[in-house]
N, C-alpha and C. Protein backbone atom coordinates (compact mmCIF):
# COMPACT_ATOMS: atom_id res chain seq x y z
N MET A 1 107.20 137.02 121.46
CA MET A 1 106.72 135.36 121.21
C MET A 1 107.90 135.39 120.75
N VAL A 2 108.47 133.95 121.62
CA VAL A 2 109.52 133.09 121.51
C VAL A 2 109.03 131.48 121.06
N ASP A 3 109.80 130.70 120.84
CA ASP A 3 109.69 129.25 120.33
C ASP A 3 110.17 128.42 121.62
N THR A 4 110.37 127.36 122.02
CA THR A 4 110.89 126.49 122.65
C THR A 4 112.17 126.55 123.23
N MET A 5 113.09 127.09 121.95
CA MET A 5 114.34 127.16 122.28
C MET A 5 114.57 128.88 122.64
N GLY A 6 113.83 129.83 122.55
CA GLY A 6 114.06 130.92 123.10
C GLY A 6 114.17 131.79 121.76
N TRP A 7 113.91 131.28 120.64
CA TRP A 7 114.45 132.25 119.51
C TRP A 7 112.83 132.96 119.35
N ILE A 8 113.02 134.46 118.72
CA ILE A 8 112.13 135.00 118.37
C ILE A 8 111.12 134.73 117.39
N LEU A 9 109.85 134.80 117.27
CA LEU A 9 108.73 134.28 116.04
C LEU A 9 108.03 135.45 116.47
N ALA A 10 108.03 136.52 117.07
CA ALA A 10 106.83 137.92 116.77
C ALA A 10 107.76 138.88 117.63
N VAL A 11 107.54 140.48 117.00
CA VAL A 11 107.95 141.52 118.43
C VAL A 11 106.91 142.25 118.45
N LEU A 12 106.13 142.59 119.33
CA LEU A 12 105.17 143.90 119.27
C LEU A 12 105.31 144.52 120.45
N ILE A 13 106.03 145.88 120.31
CA ILE A 13 106.30 147.21 121.67
C ILE A 13 105.15 147.83 121.38
N THR A 14 104.62 148.19 122.57
CA THR A 14 103.13 148.39 123.09
C THR A 14 103.66 149.83 123.78
N PRO A 15 102.95 150.72 124.21
CA PRO A 15 102.82 151.95 125.02
C PRO A 15 102.74 151.00 126.59
N ALA A 16 103.28 151.78 127.64
CA ALA A 16 103.05 151.31 128.84
C ALA A 16 101.72 151.18 129.27
N ASN A 17 100.96 152.09 129.19
CA ASN A 17 99.32 152.06 129.11
C ASN A 17 98.40 150.76 128.36
N VAL A 18 99.09 150.18 127.92
CA VAL A 18 98.47 148.94 127.33
C VAL A 18 98.70 147.46 128.28
N GLN A 19 97.65 147.07 128.65
CA GLN A 19 97.49 145.95 129.62
C GLN A 19 98.26 144.93 128.74
N ASP A 20 99.18 144.02 129.22
CA ASP A 20 99.75 142.64 128.74
C ASP A 20 98.53 141.86 127.98
N ARG A 21 97.60 141.73 128.59
CA ARG A 21 96.56 141.08 127.90
C ARG A 21 96.11 141.61 126.37
N ASP A 22 95.92 142.43 126.52
CA ASP A 22 95.79 143.53 125.23
C ASP A 22 97.05 143.68 124.38
N GLY A 23 97.86 143.68 124.63
CA GLY A 23 99.08 143.74 123.50
C GLY A 23 99.25 142.14 123.43
N ALA A 24 98.52 141.23 123.85
CA ALA A 24 99.03 139.68 123.54
C ALA A 24 97.60 139.57 122.38
N LYS A 25 96.82 140.35 122.59
CA LYS A 25 95.65 140.01 121.56
C LYS A 25 96.25 140.67 120.46
N LEU A 26 96.84 141.91 120.42
CA LEU A 26 97.21 142.50 119.10
C LEU A 26 98.05 141.51 118.37
N LEU A 27 99.41 141.27 119.27
CA LEU A 27 100.41 140.27 118.95
C LEU A 27 99.78 139.00 118.16
N LEU A 28 99.05 138.34 118.81
CA LEU A 28 98.64 136.92 118.49
C LEU A 28 97.48 137.37 116.66
N GLU A 29 96.59 138.48 116.77
CA GLU A 29 96.02 138.69 115.65
C GLU A 29 97.34 139.03 114.37
N GLN A 30 98.32 139.76 114.43
CA GLN A 30 99.46 139.35 113.24
C GLN A 30 99.75 138.59 113.46
N VAL A 31 100.10 137.01 114.15
CA VAL A 31 100.74 136.35 113.73
C VAL A 31 99.85 134.89 113.79
N CYS A 32 98.93 135.00 113.79
CA CYS A 32 97.45 133.69 114.08
C CYS A 32 98.09 133.08 112.79
N ASP A 33 98.01 133.23 111.31
CA ASP A 33 97.86 132.78 110.15
C ASP A 33 99.59 132.38 109.73
N LEU A 34 100.80 133.01 110.67
CA LEU A 34 101.80 132.59 110.50
C LEU A 34 102.16 131.09 110.95
N PHE A 35 101.61 130.64 111.70
CA PHE A 35 102.40 129.59 112.44
C PHE A 35 101.05 128.23 112.62
N PRO A 36 100.46 128.07 111.49
CA PRO A 36 99.48 126.95 111.32
C PRO A 36 99.86 125.61 112.18
N ARG A 37 101.13 125.20 112.23
CA ARG A 37 101.15 124.19 112.85
C ARG A 37 101.22 124.33 114.26
N LEU A 38 101.42 125.33 114.41
CA LEU A 38 101.60 125.81 116.07
C LEU A 38 100.26 125.24 117.15
N THR A 39 100.08 124.50 118.00
CA THR A 39 98.93 123.91 118.79
C THR A 39 98.86 124.72 120.15
N THR A 40 100.07 124.57 120.92
CA THR A 40 99.74 124.92 122.20
C THR A 40 100.94 126.25 122.70
N ILE A 41 100.30 127.34 123.09
CA ILE A 41 101.07 128.30 123.77
C ILE A 41 101.48 128.83 125.27
N PHE A 42 102.07 128.86 125.93
CA PHE A 42 102.34 129.19 127.51
C PHE A 42 102.52 130.48 127.75
N ALA A 43 102.09 130.84 128.55
CA ALA A 43 101.87 132.29 129.25
C ALA A 43 102.25 132.21 130.59
N ASP A 44 102.42 133.28 131.40
CA ASP A 44 102.23 133.16 132.89
C ASP A 44 100.94 133.85 133.42
N GLY A 45 101.18 134.14 134.59
CA GLY A 45 99.24 134.09 135.09
C GLY A 45 99.20 135.65 134.88
N GLY A 46 99.49 136.20 134.35
CA GLY A 46 98.87 137.40 134.40
C GLY A 46 98.06 137.66 132.75
N TYR A 47 98.19 136.51 131.97
CA TYR A 47 97.57 136.38 130.59
C TYR A 47 96.82 135.51 130.71
N THR A 48 96.08 135.09 132.14
CA THR A 48 94.62 134.42 132.69
C THR A 48 93.51 135.19 132.16
N GLY A 49 92.00 134.89 132.36
CA GLY A 49 90.68 134.77 131.87
C GLY A 49 90.39 134.84 130.33
N GLN A 50 89.68 135.91 129.75
CA GLN A 50 88.85 135.70 128.53
C GLN A 50 90.17 135.66 127.61
N LEU A 51 91.27 135.82 127.76
CA LEU A 51 92.41 135.64 126.43
C LEU A 51 92.45 134.38 126.27
N VAL A 52 92.34 133.23 127.37
CA VAL A 52 92.47 131.84 126.87
C VAL A 52 91.44 131.53 126.09
N THR A 53 90.22 132.07 126.23
CA THR A 53 89.13 131.58 125.52
C THR A 53 89.02 132.00 123.89
N TRP A 54 89.51 133.29 124.21
CA TRP A 54 89.97 134.15 123.45
C TRP A 54 90.85 133.60 122.06
N VAL A 55 92.33 133.08 122.76
CA VAL A 55 93.04 132.77 121.80
C VAL A 55 92.29 131.04 121.13
N ARG A 56 91.60 130.28 121.82
CA ARG A 56 91.07 129.28 121.24
C ARG A 56 90.15 129.54 120.02
N GLU A 57 89.32 130.10 120.23
CA GLU A 57 88.28 130.82 119.37
C GLU A 57 89.25 131.25 118.27
N THR A 58 89.93 132.48 118.31
CA THR A 58 90.40 133.22 116.95
C THR A 58 91.79 132.41 116.43
N CYS A 59 92.42 131.76 117.24
CA CYS A 59 93.67 130.83 116.58
C CYS A 59 93.83 129.38 116.51
N GLY A 60 92.84 129.21 117.20
CA GLY A 60 92.56 127.51 117.18
C GLY A 60 93.68 126.96 118.55
N TRP A 61 94.28 127.73 119.29
CA TRP A 61 95.37 127.18 119.98
C TRP A 61 95.15 127.02 121.39
N LEU A 62 95.64 126.23 121.84
CA LEU A 62 95.37 126.01 123.72
C LEU A 62 96.58 126.94 124.38
N LEU A 63 96.54 127.82 124.71
CA LEU A 63 96.71 128.94 125.84
C LEU A 63 97.12 128.31 127.06
N SER A 64 98.00 127.67 127.68
CA SER A 64 98.44 126.98 128.65
C SER A 64 98.76 128.21 129.74
N ILE A 65 98.42 128.23 130.92
CA ILE A 65 98.78 129.31 131.96
C ILE A 65 99.91 128.41 132.91
N VAL A 66 101.09 129.22 132.98
CA VAL A 66 101.81 128.62 133.62
C VAL A 66 102.24 129.34 135.23
N LYS A 67 101.35 128.30 136.30
CA LYS A 67 101.24 129.51 137.37
C LYS A 67 102.28 128.97 138.60
N ARG A 68 102.23 129.66 139.10
CA ARG A 68 103.29 129.67 140.03
C ARG A 68 102.44 129.01 141.38
N THR A 69 103.21 127.62 142.21
CA THR A 69 102.63 126.67 143.31
C THR A 69 103.44 127.48 144.46
N ALA A 70 104.09 127.67 144.56
CA ALA A 70 104.83 128.30 145.93
C ALA A 70 105.21 129.29 146.26
N VAL A 71 105.70 129.94 147.58
CA VAL A 71 105.67 131.23 147.57
C VAL A 71 107.25 131.32 147.46
N GLY A 72 107.80 132.61 147.11
CA GLY A 72 109.29 132.79 146.78
C GLY A 72 109.62 132.36 145.34
N PHE A 73 111.13 132.52 145.72
CA PHE A 73 111.34 132.14 143.79
C PHE A 73 111.28 131.00 143.60
N GLU A 74 110.75 130.37 142.34
CA GLU A 74 110.66 129.31 142.13
C GLU A 74 111.05 128.96 140.46
N VAL A 75 111.78 128.07 139.86
CA VAL A 75 111.80 128.23 138.10
C VAL A 75 110.68 127.54 137.73
N LEU A 76 110.15 128.27 136.86
CA LEU A 76 108.78 127.73 136.18
C LEU A 76 109.12 127.27 135.16
N PRO A 77 109.07 125.97 135.01
CA PRO A 77 108.60 125.40 133.43
C PRO A 77 107.90 126.42 132.35
N LYS A 78 108.86 126.25 131.00
CA LYS A 78 108.82 127.29 130.01
C LYS A 78 108.79 128.86 130.23
N ARG A 79 108.47 128.97 131.24
CA ARG A 79 108.43 130.61 131.63
C ARG A 79 110.01 131.49 131.82
N TRP A 80 111.08 130.46 132.02
CA TRP A 80 112.40 130.68 132.11
C TRP A 80 112.76 130.79 130.96
N ILE A 81 112.49 130.34 129.80
CA ILE A 81 112.68 130.47 128.04
C ILE A 81 112.59 131.72 127.82
N VAL A 82 111.70 132.55 127.78
CA VAL A 82 111.29 133.71 128.02
C VAL A 82 112.11 134.85 128.25
N GLU A 83 112.64 134.56 129.88
CA GLU A 83 113.42 135.11 130.59
C GLU A 83 114.95 135.06 130.18
N ARG A 84 115.06 133.84 129.79
CA ARG A 84 116.61 133.62 128.88
C ARG A 84 116.69 134.41 127.70
N THR A 85 115.61 134.88 126.82
CA THR A 85 115.73 135.67 125.56
C THR A 85 115.87 136.96 125.69
N PHE A 86 115.05 137.27 127.09
CA PHE A 86 115.46 139.17 127.67
C PHE A 86 116.91 139.19 127.87
N ALA A 87 117.42 138.24 128.59
CA ALA A 87 119.05 138.21 129.06
C ALA A 87 119.52 138.38 127.87
N TRP A 88 119.33 137.40 126.78
CA TRP A 88 120.32 137.74 125.41
C TRP A 88 119.96 139.14 124.50
N LEU A 89 118.61 139.29 124.65
CA LEU A 89 118.63 140.68 124.00
C LEU A 89 119.11 141.80 124.64
N THR A 90 119.13 141.59 126.39
CA THR A 90 119.84 142.96 127.10
C THR A 90 121.28 143.14 126.64
N ARG A 91 121.90 142.00 126.32
CA ARG A 91 123.60 142.09 125.85
C ARG A 91 123.78 143.05 125.01
N TYR A 92 122.78 143.47 124.14
CA TYR A 92 122.73 144.50 122.87
C TYR A 92 122.42 146.11 123.53
N ARG A 93 123.39 146.58 123.21
CA ARG A 93 123.21 148.06 123.70
C ARG A 93 122.46 148.81 123.59
N ARG A 94 121.87 148.74 122.31
CA ARG A 94 120.53 149.69 121.96
C ARG A 94 119.24 149.06 122.42
N LEU A 95 119.67 148.03 122.89
CA LEU A 95 118.09 147.33 123.97
C LEU A 95 118.36 147.36 125.25
N ALA A 96 119.41 147.60 125.65
CA ALA A 96 119.59 147.39 127.02
C ALA A 96 118.99 148.57 127.80
N ARG A 97 119.02 149.82 126.96
CA ARG A 97 117.69 151.19 127.62
C ARG A 97 117.11 151.24 126.66
N ASP A 98 115.94 152.31 127.46
CA ASP A 98 115.25 153.16 125.87
C ASP A 98 115.48 153.99 125.35
N TYR A 99 116.68 153.74 124.34
CA TYR A 99 116.93 154.88 123.45
C TYR A 99 116.00 155.21 122.53
N GLU A 100 115.32 154.50 122.20
CA GLU A 100 114.94 154.50 121.04
C GLU A 100 113.24 155.60 121.29
N LEU A 101 112.81 156.31 120.20
CA LEU A 101 111.63 156.80 120.15
C LEU A 101 110.16 156.51 119.50
N GLN A 102 111.09 155.32 118.84
CA GLN A 102 109.66 155.03 117.56
C GLN A 102 109.68 153.51 117.98
N PRO A 103 108.44 153.03 118.38
CA PRO A 103 108.22 151.70 119.00
C PRO A 103 108.99 150.66 117.13
N ASP A 104 108.80 151.14 116.31
CA ASP A 104 109.27 150.64 115.10
C ASP A 104 110.77 150.04 115.48
N THR A 105 111.15 150.86 115.41
CA THR A 105 113.07 151.20 115.29
C THR A 105 113.34 150.34 116.95
N VAL A 106 112.28 149.69 117.65
CA VAL A 106 112.84 148.97 119.14
C VAL A 106 112.40 147.41 118.36
N GLU A 107 111.41 147.31 117.64
CA GLU A 107 111.23 145.89 116.98
C GLU A 107 112.32 145.84 116.15
N ALA A 108 112.51 146.46 115.25
CA ALA A 108 113.78 146.20 114.16
C ALA A 108 114.84 145.80 114.94
N MET A 109 115.28 146.40 116.07
CA MET A 109 116.29 146.23 116.35
C MET A 109 116.41 144.89 117.20
N THR A 110 115.66 144.63 117.77
CA THR A 110 115.23 143.17 118.40
C THR A 110 115.33 142.13 117.57
N TYR A 111 114.95 142.35 116.07
CA TYR A 111 115.33 141.30 115.13
C TYR A 111 116.37 141.18 114.61
N ALA A 112 116.99 142.17 114.31
CA ALA A 112 118.32 142.53 114.17
C ALA A 112 119.14 141.82 115.30
N ALA A 113 119.19 141.89 116.33
CA ALA A 113 119.96 141.39 117.51
C ALA A 113 119.56 139.87 117.54
N MET A 114 118.28 139.62 117.47
CA MET A 114 118.31 138.12 117.21
C MET A 114 118.73 136.86 116.01
N VAL A 115 119.12 138.16 114.92
CA VAL A 115 119.37 137.27 113.84
C VAL A 115 120.88 137.43 114.06
N HIS A 116 121.49 138.19 114.42
CA HIS A 116 122.83 138.53 114.86
C HIS A 116 123.31 137.31 115.91
N LEU A 117 122.45 136.78 116.83
CA LEU A 117 122.69 135.67 117.88
C LEU A 117 122.56 134.25 117.11
N MET A 118 121.92 134.12 116.47
CA MET A 118 121.34 133.04 115.58
C MET A 118 122.12 132.58 115.05
N ILE A 119 122.82 133.56 113.98
CA ILE A 119 123.72 133.59 112.69
C ILE A 119 125.29 132.74 113.30
N ARG A 120 125.61 133.76 114.54
CA ARG A 120 126.75 133.36 115.48
C ARG A 120 126.50 131.97 116.29
N ARG A 121 125.52 131.60 116.77
CA ARG A 121 124.68 130.19 117.18
C ARG A 121 125.04 129.11 116.08
N PHE A 122 124.33 129.12 115.32
CA PHE A 122 124.49 128.71 113.89
C PHE A 122 126.39 128.23 113.47
N ALA A 123 126.95 129.28 113.41
CA ALA A 123 128.07 129.24 112.90
C ALA A 123 128.86 128.27 113.57
N LYS A 124 128.70 128.66 115.12
CA LYS A 124 129.79 127.83 116.10
C LYS A 124 129.29 126.15 115.77
N GLN A 125 127.88 125.87 115.54
CA GLN A 125 127.68 124.49 115.22
C GLN A 125 128.24 123.88 114.58
N GLN A 126 128.24 124.94 113.05
CA GLN A 126 129.44 123.97 112.13
C GLN A 126 130.60 124.15 112.09
N ARG A 127 131.34 125.12 112.78
CA ARG A 127 132.71 124.89 112.83
C ARG A 127 132.95 123.88 113.89
N ALA A 128 132.03 123.40 115.00
CA ALA A 128 132.11 122.15 115.84
C ALA A 128 131.72 120.71 115.03
N LEU A 129 131.05 120.84 113.66
CA LEU A 129 131.21 119.76 112.89
C LEU A 129 132.22 119.24 112.27
N PRO A 130 132.50 118.08 112.09
CA PRO A 130 133.45 117.07 111.18
C PRO A 130 132.86 117.55 110.09
N ALA A 131 134.24 117.98 109.03
CA ALA A 131 134.56 118.18 107.56
C ALA A 131 133.86 116.93 106.64
N LEU A 132 133.20 116.74 105.80
CA LEU A 132 132.66 115.67 105.12
C LEU A 132 133.47 115.55 103.97
N LYS A 133 133.92 114.58 103.68
CA LYS A 133 135.08 114.40 102.59
C LYS A 133 134.37 113.28 101.58
């Protein structure tokens, strides 16, 4: 789960036999109370169906599904944000392949990579600001 800037809000690693919609429920149950100001979340077409109603009833959020409108490649609004975050994270060696045996380790490495990325970006912005005298 990422915000509109692509920064990670929450990570949940599930086995391959867990369907995306079921994994989304597990993740959203964990974070439902952490983000009280959140009103809308975006997801791709794989999350349609009962999940939309479940999110509204459980978390009070609107789950907006971003659907394809054309055949072939198309840049979808909001969806590219998650894809960009995946690209950022795969630049870290431990996340580029499935090296880890424990899902908790992958989650921790994902958070560590995002913290590193955020610190570097914020430090770069601070260097660009003029010094206050």
